[in-house]
N, C-alpha and C. Protein backbone atom coordinates (compact mmCIF):
# COMPACT_ATOMS: atom_id res chain seq x y z
N UNK A 1 0.84 -1.18 0.00
CA UNK A 1 0.00 0.00 0.00
C UNK A 1 0.88 1.25 0.00
N UNK A 2 0.41 2.29 -0.61
CA UNK A 2 1.16 3.54 -0.75
C UNK A 2 1.15 4.37 0.54
N UNK A 3 2.15 5.26 0.63
CA UNK A 3 2.22 6.22 1.72
C UNK A 3 2.26 7.62 1.12
N UNK A 4 1.77 8.57 1.89
CA UNK A 4 1.78 9.97 1.49
C UNK A 4 2.65 10.72 2.48
N UNK A 5 3.48 11.63 1.99
CA UNK A 5 4.31 12.46 2.85
C UNK A 5 3.87 13.90 2.76
N UNK A 6 3.87 14.60 3.91
CA UNK A 6 3.46 16.00 3.95
C UNK A 6 4.52 16.86 4.61
N UNK A 7 4.81 17.99 3.99
CA UNK A 7 5.67 19.03 4.57
C UNK A 7 4.77 20.24 4.79
N UNK A 8 4.39 20.47 6.03
CA UNK A 8 3.39 21.48 6.34
C UNK A 8 4.06 22.80 6.67
N UNK A 9 3.75 23.81 5.89
CA UNK A 9 4.26 25.15 6.13
C UNK A 9 3.13 26.10 6.45
N UNK A 10 3.46 27.35 6.63
CA UNK A 10 2.46 28.36 6.95
C UNK A 10 1.59 28.66 5.73
N UNK A 11 2.20 28.74 4.54
CA UNK A 11 1.47 29.11 3.33
C UNK A 11 1.14 27.94 2.43
N UNK A 12 1.92 26.86 2.51
CA UNK A 12 1.72 25.72 1.62
C UNK A 12 1.93 24.40 2.35
N UNK A 13 1.46 23.34 1.71
CA UNK A 13 1.73 21.97 2.15
C UNK A 13 2.32 21.23 0.97
N UNK A 14 3.55 20.76 1.12
CA UNK A 14 4.16 19.94 0.10
C UNK A 14 3.67 18.52 0.24
N UNK A 15 3.40 17.86 -0.88
CA UNK A 15 2.87 16.50 -0.86
C UNK A 15 3.74 15.60 -1.73
N UNK A 16 4.04 14.42 -1.21
CA UNK A 16 4.76 13.39 -1.96
C UNK A 16 4.05 12.07 -1.74
N UNK A 17 4.27 11.12 -2.64
CA UNK A 17 3.67 9.80 -2.52
C UNK A 17 4.72 8.75 -2.82
N UNK A 18 4.52 7.59 -2.23
CA UNK A 18 5.42 6.48 -2.50
C UNK A 18 4.87 5.66 -3.66
N UNK A 19 5.73 4.81 -4.20
CA UNK A 19 5.26 3.84 -5.18
C UNK A 19 4.51 2.74 -4.43
N UNK A 20 3.94 1.80 -5.16
CA UNK A 20 3.14 0.74 -4.54
C UNK A 20 3.95 -0.16 -3.61
N UNK A 21 5.24 -0.31 -3.91
CA UNK A 21 6.09 -1.18 -3.09
C UNK A 21 6.65 -0.47 -1.85
N UNK A 22 6.46 0.82 -1.77
CA UNK A 22 6.97 1.57 -0.63
C UNK A 22 8.48 1.72 -0.66
N UNK A 23 9.06 1.79 -1.86
CA UNK A 23 10.51 1.91 -1.99
C UNK A 23 10.97 3.34 -2.24
N UNK A 24 10.21 4.09 -3.01
CA UNK A 24 10.66 5.42 -3.42
C UNK A 24 9.54 6.44 -3.26
N UNK A 25 9.93 7.63 -2.83
CA UNK A 25 9.00 8.75 -2.68
C UNK A 25 9.14 9.68 -3.88
N UNK A 26 8.01 10.20 -4.34
CA UNK A 26 7.99 11.08 -5.51
C UNK A 26 7.16 12.33 -5.18
N UNK A 27 7.64 13.51 -5.55
CA UNK A 27 6.86 14.73 -5.32
C UNK A 27 5.54 14.67 -6.09
N UNK A 28 4.48 15.19 -5.48
CA UNK A 28 3.17 15.15 -6.12
C UNK A 28 2.64 16.55 -6.41
N UNK A 29 2.48 17.36 -5.38
CA UNK A 29 1.90 18.68 -5.57
C UNK A 29 2.19 19.55 -4.36
N UNK A 30 1.88 20.83 -4.52
CA UNK A 30 1.95 21.77 -3.42
C UNK A 30 0.55 22.34 -3.24
N UNK A 31 0.03 22.22 -2.04
CA UNK A 31 -1.31 22.71 -1.71
C UNK A 31 -1.17 24.10 -1.10
N UNK A 32 -1.89 25.08 -1.64
CA UNK A 32 -1.93 26.41 -1.03
C UNK A 32 -2.84 26.32 0.20
N UNK A 33 -2.33 26.76 1.35
CA UNK A 33 -3.10 26.66 2.60
C UNK A 33 -4.35 27.54 2.52
N UNK A 34 -5.48 26.96 2.94
CA UNK A 34 -6.76 27.68 2.94
C UNK A 34 -7.48 27.53 4.27
N UNK A 35 -6.79 27.02 5.27
CA UNK A 35 -7.40 26.76 6.57
C UNK A 35 -7.38 25.26 6.83
N UNK A 36 -7.33 24.90 8.09
CA UNK A 36 -7.17 23.50 8.47
C UNK A 36 -8.24 22.61 7.87
N UNK A 37 -9.49 23.01 7.93
CA UNK A 37 -10.57 22.16 7.42
C UNK A 37 -10.42 21.89 5.93
N UNK A 38 -10.17 22.92 5.14
CA UNK A 38 -10.00 22.75 3.69
C UNK A 38 -8.73 21.97 3.38
N UNK A 39 -7.67 22.24 4.12
CA UNK A 39 -6.41 21.53 3.89
C UNK A 39 -6.54 20.04 4.21
N UNK A 40 -7.19 19.73 5.31
CA UNK A 40 -7.41 18.33 5.68
C UNK A 40 -8.28 17.65 4.63
N UNK A 41 -9.30 18.34 4.14
CA UNK A 41 -10.18 17.76 3.12
C UNK A 41 -9.39 17.42 1.86
N UNK A 42 -8.44 18.27 1.46
CA UNK A 42 -7.63 17.99 0.27
C UNK A 42 -6.75 16.78 0.50
N UNK A 43 -6.14 16.68 1.68
CA UNK A 43 -5.29 15.53 1.98
C UNK A 43 -6.12 14.25 2.02
N UNK A 44 -7.30 14.31 2.61
CA UNK A 44 -8.19 13.14 2.65
C UNK A 44 -8.54 12.71 1.22
N UNK A 45 -8.79 13.67 0.34
CA UNK A 45 -9.09 13.34 -1.06
C UNK A 45 -7.89 12.65 -1.73
N UNK A 46 -6.69 13.16 -1.47
CA UNK A 46 -5.49 12.53 -2.03
C UNK A 46 -5.30 11.11 -1.50
N UNK A 47 -5.59 10.90 -0.22
CA UNK A 47 -5.49 9.57 0.37
C UNK A 47 -6.42 8.60 -0.35
N UNK A 48 -7.64 9.04 -0.62
CA UNK A 48 -8.61 8.19 -1.31
C UNK A 48 -8.18 7.94 -2.77
N UNK A 49 -7.78 9.01 -3.47
CA UNK A 49 -7.38 8.88 -4.88
C UNK A 49 -6.22 7.92 -5.07
N UNK A 50 -5.27 7.99 -4.16
CA UNK A 50 -4.02 7.22 -4.32
C UNK A 50 -4.00 5.92 -3.51
N UNK A 51 -5.12 5.61 -2.85
CA UNK A 51 -5.22 4.38 -2.05
C UNK A 51 -4.07 4.29 -1.05
N UNK A 52 -3.96 5.31 -0.23
CA UNK A 52 -2.88 5.45 0.74
C UNK A 52 -3.23 4.74 2.04
N UNK A 53 -2.25 4.05 2.62
CA UNK A 53 -2.44 3.37 3.90
C UNK A 53 -1.78 4.09 5.06
N UNK A 54 -0.79 4.96 4.76
CA UNK A 54 -0.07 5.69 5.80
C UNK A 54 0.20 7.12 5.32
N UNK A 55 0.06 8.07 6.23
CA UNK A 55 0.42 9.46 5.96
C UNK A 55 1.53 9.83 6.93
N UNK A 56 2.63 10.35 6.38
CA UNK A 56 3.79 10.74 7.17
C UNK A 56 3.88 12.26 7.14
N UNK A 57 3.82 12.87 8.32
CA UNK A 57 3.84 14.32 8.41
C UNK A 57 5.15 14.76 9.04
N UNK A 58 5.86 15.64 8.34
CA UNK A 58 7.10 16.18 8.87
C UNK A 58 6.83 17.05 10.08
N UNK A 59 7.53 16.79 11.17
CA UNK A 59 7.38 17.55 12.40
C UNK A 59 8.59 18.46 12.57
N UNK A 60 8.39 19.79 12.51
CA UNK A 60 9.52 20.72 12.59
C UNK A 60 9.99 20.95 14.02
N UNK A 61 10.75 20.01 14.52
CA UNK A 61 11.28 20.13 15.88
C UNK A 61 12.38 21.19 15.93
N UNK A 62 12.63 21.70 17.13
CA UNK A 62 13.73 22.64 17.34
C UNK A 62 15.04 21.88 17.22
N UNK A 63 16.15 22.59 17.09
CA UNK A 63 17.45 21.94 17.01
C UNK A 63 17.71 21.06 18.22
N UNK A 64 17.17 21.44 19.37
CA UNK A 64 17.34 20.66 20.60
C UNK A 64 16.53 19.37 20.59
N UNK A 65 15.62 19.22 19.63
CA UNK A 65 14.75 18.06 19.58
C UNK A 65 13.41 18.29 20.27
N UNK A 66 13.25 19.45 20.88
CA UNK A 66 12.00 19.79 21.56
C UNK A 66 10.98 20.31 20.55
N UNK A 67 9.70 20.16 20.91
CA UNK A 67 8.62 20.68 20.07
C UNK A 67 8.39 22.14 20.41
N UNK A 68 8.64 23.02 19.46
CA UNK A 68 8.40 24.45 19.63
C UNK A 68 7.04 24.84 19.10
N UNK A 69 6.87 26.13 18.86
CA UNK A 69 5.59 26.67 18.39
C UNK A 69 5.18 26.07 17.04
N UNK A 70 6.12 25.98 16.11
CA UNK A 70 5.80 25.42 14.78
C UNK A 70 5.36 23.96 14.89
N UNK A 71 6.05 23.18 15.70
CA UNK A 71 5.69 21.76 15.86
C UNK A 71 4.31 21.62 16.51
N UNK A 72 4.01 22.49 17.46
CA UNK A 72 2.69 22.42 18.09
C UNK A 72 1.59 22.74 17.09
N UNK A 73 1.85 23.69 16.15
CA UNK A 73 0.86 23.99 15.11
C UNK A 73 0.67 22.80 14.17
N UNK A 74 1.76 22.16 13.81
CA UNK A 74 1.68 20.99 12.93
C UNK A 74 0.93 19.86 13.64
N UNK A 75 1.15 19.70 14.93
CA UNK A 75 0.42 18.65 15.66
C UNK A 75 -1.07 18.90 15.69
N UNK A 76 -1.50 20.15 15.70
CA UNK A 76 -2.93 20.45 15.59
C UNK A 76 -3.48 19.95 14.26
N UNK A 77 -2.70 20.16 13.19
CA UNK A 77 -3.09 19.65 11.87
C UNK A 77 -3.13 18.12 11.89
N UNK A 78 -2.11 17.50 12.49
CA UNK A 78 -2.05 16.03 12.57
C UNK A 78 -3.28 15.49 13.30
N UNK A 79 -3.66 16.14 14.39
CA UNK A 79 -4.84 15.70 15.14
C UNK A 79 -6.10 15.79 14.28
N UNK A 80 -6.27 16.90 13.56
CA UNK A 80 -7.44 17.07 12.69
C UNK A 80 -7.44 16.04 11.57
N UNK A 81 -6.26 15.78 11.00
CA UNK A 81 -6.15 14.79 9.93
C UNK A 81 -6.47 13.39 10.45
N UNK A 82 -5.96 13.07 11.62
CA UNK A 82 -6.24 11.76 12.22
C UNK A 82 -7.73 11.54 12.46
N UNK A 83 -8.41 12.58 12.94
CA UNK A 83 -9.86 12.48 13.15
C UNK A 83 -10.59 12.27 11.82
N UNK A 84 -10.16 12.98 10.78
CA UNK A 84 -10.82 12.88 9.48
C UNK A 84 -10.58 11.52 8.82
N UNK A 85 -9.40 10.95 9.02
CA UNK A 85 -9.07 9.67 8.38
C UNK A 85 -9.55 8.47 9.18
N UNK A 86 -9.75 8.63 10.46
CA UNK A 86 -10.18 7.51 11.29
C UNK A 86 -9.08 6.48 11.45
N UNK A 87 -9.47 5.25 11.73
CA UNK A 87 -8.50 4.18 12.00
C UNK A 87 -8.00 3.47 10.75
N UNK A 88 -8.56 3.80 9.60
CA UNK A 88 -8.20 3.10 8.37
C UNK A 88 -6.81 3.46 7.85
N UNK A 89 -6.35 4.66 8.16
CA UNK A 89 -5.07 5.16 7.65
C UNK A 89 -4.21 5.59 8.82
N UNK A 90 -2.97 5.10 8.85
CA UNK A 90 -2.05 5.49 9.91
C UNK A 90 -1.49 6.88 9.64
N UNK A 91 -1.42 7.71 10.67
CA UNK A 91 -0.82 9.04 10.56
C UNK A 91 0.40 9.05 11.46
N UNK A 92 1.56 9.34 10.87
CA UNK A 92 2.83 9.25 11.57
C UNK A 92 3.57 10.58 11.55
N UNK A 93 4.23 10.91 12.65
CA UNK A 93 5.11 12.08 12.70
C UNK A 93 6.51 11.63 12.32
N UNK A 94 7.23 12.52 11.62
CA UNK A 94 8.62 12.23 11.25
C UNK A 94 9.44 13.50 11.43
N UNK A 95 10.54 13.38 12.16
CA UNK A 95 11.41 14.53 12.41
C UNK A 95 11.90 15.09 11.09
N UNK A 96 11.53 16.34 10.82
CA UNK A 96 11.90 16.93 9.53
C UNK A 96 13.02 17.96 9.65
N UNK A 97 13.69 18.01 10.79
CA UNK A 97 14.77 18.99 10.91
C UNK A 97 15.72 18.86 9.73
N UNK A 98 16.07 19.97 9.16
CA UNK A 98 17.03 20.09 8.07
C UNK A 98 16.53 19.60 6.71
N UNK A 99 15.28 19.12 6.60
CA UNK A 99 14.82 18.59 5.32
C UNK A 99 14.77 19.67 4.24
N UNK A 100 14.21 20.81 4.55
CA UNK A 100 14.11 21.87 3.55
C UNK A 100 15.50 22.37 3.17
N UNK A 101 16.38 22.51 4.15
CA UNK A 101 17.75 22.96 3.86
C UNK A 101 18.47 21.95 2.97
N UNK A 102 18.30 20.67 3.25
CA UNK A 102 18.95 19.63 2.44
C UNK A 102 18.44 19.66 1.00
N UNK A 103 17.13 19.81 0.84
CA UNK A 103 16.55 19.86 -0.50
C UNK A 103 16.99 21.13 -1.22
N UNK A 104 17.04 22.23 -0.50
CA UNK A 104 17.49 23.50 -1.10
C UNK A 104 18.90 23.36 -1.65
N UNK A 105 19.80 22.71 -0.90
CA UNK A 105 21.17 22.50 -1.37
C UNK A 105 21.19 21.68 -2.66
N UNK A 106 20.40 20.64 -2.72
CA UNK A 106 20.33 19.80 -3.92
C UNK A 106 19.84 20.61 -5.11
N UNK A 107 18.81 21.42 -4.90
CA UNK A 107 18.24 22.21 -5.99
C UNK A 107 19.22 23.30 -6.46
N UNK A 108 19.96 23.89 -5.53
CA UNK A 108 20.97 24.88 -5.91
C UNK A 108 22.07 24.19 -6.70
N UNK A 109 22.51 23.03 -6.22
CA UNK A 109 23.55 22.27 -6.93
C UNK A 109 23.09 21.87 -8.33
N UNK A 110 21.78 21.66 -8.49
CA UNK A 110 21.23 21.31 -9.80
C UNK A 110 21.05 22.55 -10.68
N UNK A 111 21.42 23.70 -10.14
CA UNK A 111 21.41 24.97 -10.88
C UNK A 111 19.99 25.40 -11.27
N UNK A 112 19.00 25.10 -10.40
CA UNK A 112 17.65 25.58 -10.63
C UNK A 112 17.56 27.05 -10.26
N UNK A 113 16.83 27.81 -11.02
CA UNK A 113 16.66 29.23 -10.73
C UNK A 113 15.91 29.38 -9.40
N UNK A 114 16.06 30.54 -8.82
CA UNK A 114 15.38 30.83 -7.55
C UNK A 114 13.87 30.66 -7.70
N UNK A 115 13.33 31.13 -8.83
CA UNK A 115 11.90 31.01 -9.08
C UNK A 115 11.47 29.56 -9.17
N UNK A 116 12.23 28.75 -9.89
CA UNK A 116 11.89 27.33 -10.04
C UNK A 116 12.03 26.59 -8.70
N UNK A 117 13.06 26.93 -7.92
CA UNK A 117 13.23 26.31 -6.59
C UNK A 117 12.01 26.59 -5.72
N UNK A 118 11.53 27.81 -5.77
CA UNK A 118 10.36 28.19 -4.97
C UNK A 118 9.14 27.35 -5.36
N UNK A 119 9.02 27.01 -6.64
CA UNK A 119 7.88 26.24 -7.12
C UNK A 119 7.92 24.78 -6.66
N UNK A 120 9.11 24.22 -6.45
CA UNK A 120 9.20 22.78 -6.18
C UNK A 120 9.70 22.43 -4.78
N UNK A 121 10.18 23.39 -4.02
CA UNK A 121 10.85 23.08 -2.75
C UNK A 121 9.95 22.33 -1.77
N UNK A 122 8.68 22.72 -1.65
CA UNK A 122 7.81 22.10 -0.65
C UNK A 122 7.50 20.64 -0.97
N UNK A 123 7.19 20.35 -2.23
CA UNK A 123 6.88 18.96 -2.56
C UNK A 123 8.16 18.12 -2.57
N UNK A 124 9.30 18.72 -2.88
CA UNK A 124 10.57 17.98 -2.79
C UNK A 124 10.91 17.69 -1.34
N UNK A 125 10.64 18.65 -0.44
CA UNK A 125 10.87 18.42 0.99
C UNK A 125 9.95 17.31 1.50
N UNK A 126 8.71 17.27 1.01
CA UNK A 126 7.78 16.20 1.40
C UNK A 126 8.32 14.85 0.94
N UNK A 127 8.91 14.80 -0.26
CA UNK A 127 9.50 13.55 -0.75
C UNK A 127 10.69 13.14 0.11
N UNK A 128 11.49 14.10 0.53
CA UNK A 128 12.65 13.84 1.40
C UNK A 128 12.18 13.25 2.74
N UNK A 129 11.15 13.84 3.31
CA UNK A 129 10.58 13.37 4.58
C UNK A 129 10.05 11.94 4.41
N UNK A 130 9.26 11.73 3.38
CA UNK A 130 8.67 10.41 3.15
C UNK A 130 9.74 9.37 2.87
N UNK A 131 10.76 9.72 2.11
CA UNK A 131 11.83 8.77 1.81
C UNK A 131 12.56 8.35 3.07
N UNK A 132 12.79 9.28 3.98
CA UNK A 132 13.42 8.93 5.26
C UNK A 132 12.59 7.93 6.05
N UNK A 133 11.29 8.14 6.06
CA UNK A 133 10.39 7.22 6.77
C UNK A 133 10.36 5.85 6.10
N UNK A 134 10.29 5.84 4.76
CA UNK A 134 10.29 4.57 4.03
C UNK A 134 11.59 3.80 4.29
N UNK A 135 12.72 4.49 4.24
CA UNK A 135 14.02 3.84 4.46
C UNK A 135 14.11 3.27 5.87
N UNK A 136 13.62 4.03 6.86
CA UNK A 136 13.67 3.57 8.25
C UNK A 136 12.81 2.33 8.46
N UNK A 137 11.69 2.23 7.77
CA UNK A 137 10.81 1.06 7.88
C UNK A 137 11.46 -0.20 7.35
N UNK A 138 12.34 -0.05 6.36
CA UNK A 138 12.98 -1.21 5.75
C UNK A 138 14.19 -1.70 6.54
N UNK A 139 14.65 -0.89 7.49
CA UNK A 139 15.83 -1.29 8.28
C UNK A 139 15.45 -2.47 9.19
N UNK A 140 16.33 -3.47 9.29
CA UNK A 140 16.05 -4.58 10.20
C UNK A 140 16.07 -4.09 11.64
N UNK A 141 15.23 -4.69 12.44
CA UNK A 141 15.14 -4.32 13.87
C UNK A 141 16.44 -4.60 14.60
């Protein structure tokens, strides 16, 4: 079953999806934020369209590993998403520290213009988050 990855920002939500085997994450889209209810509804629609079994949400922890103001806001979204999806779909938090910075470095190295980077950074960060979760799941205990 597929997984969906989310990079939740103030203005946008980056979305990525895995392949059917759960091996690779691919950028899907960037959702313009319109409020928690509308944003959750869009994610729920994507879950149904793509037959997703797990949603992985990047949690922006502080450098110390503590949950700051941004992480608390994301957890409010996670709670709303969990209520909307019910028990059928797992919703998981994933430490996203440095994900956007790592993706930004890759895009700069690829010589993408600033404008093009702005268009793809959120969904690429979502793919980075989801790929980390997928890789961790495959590691032997």
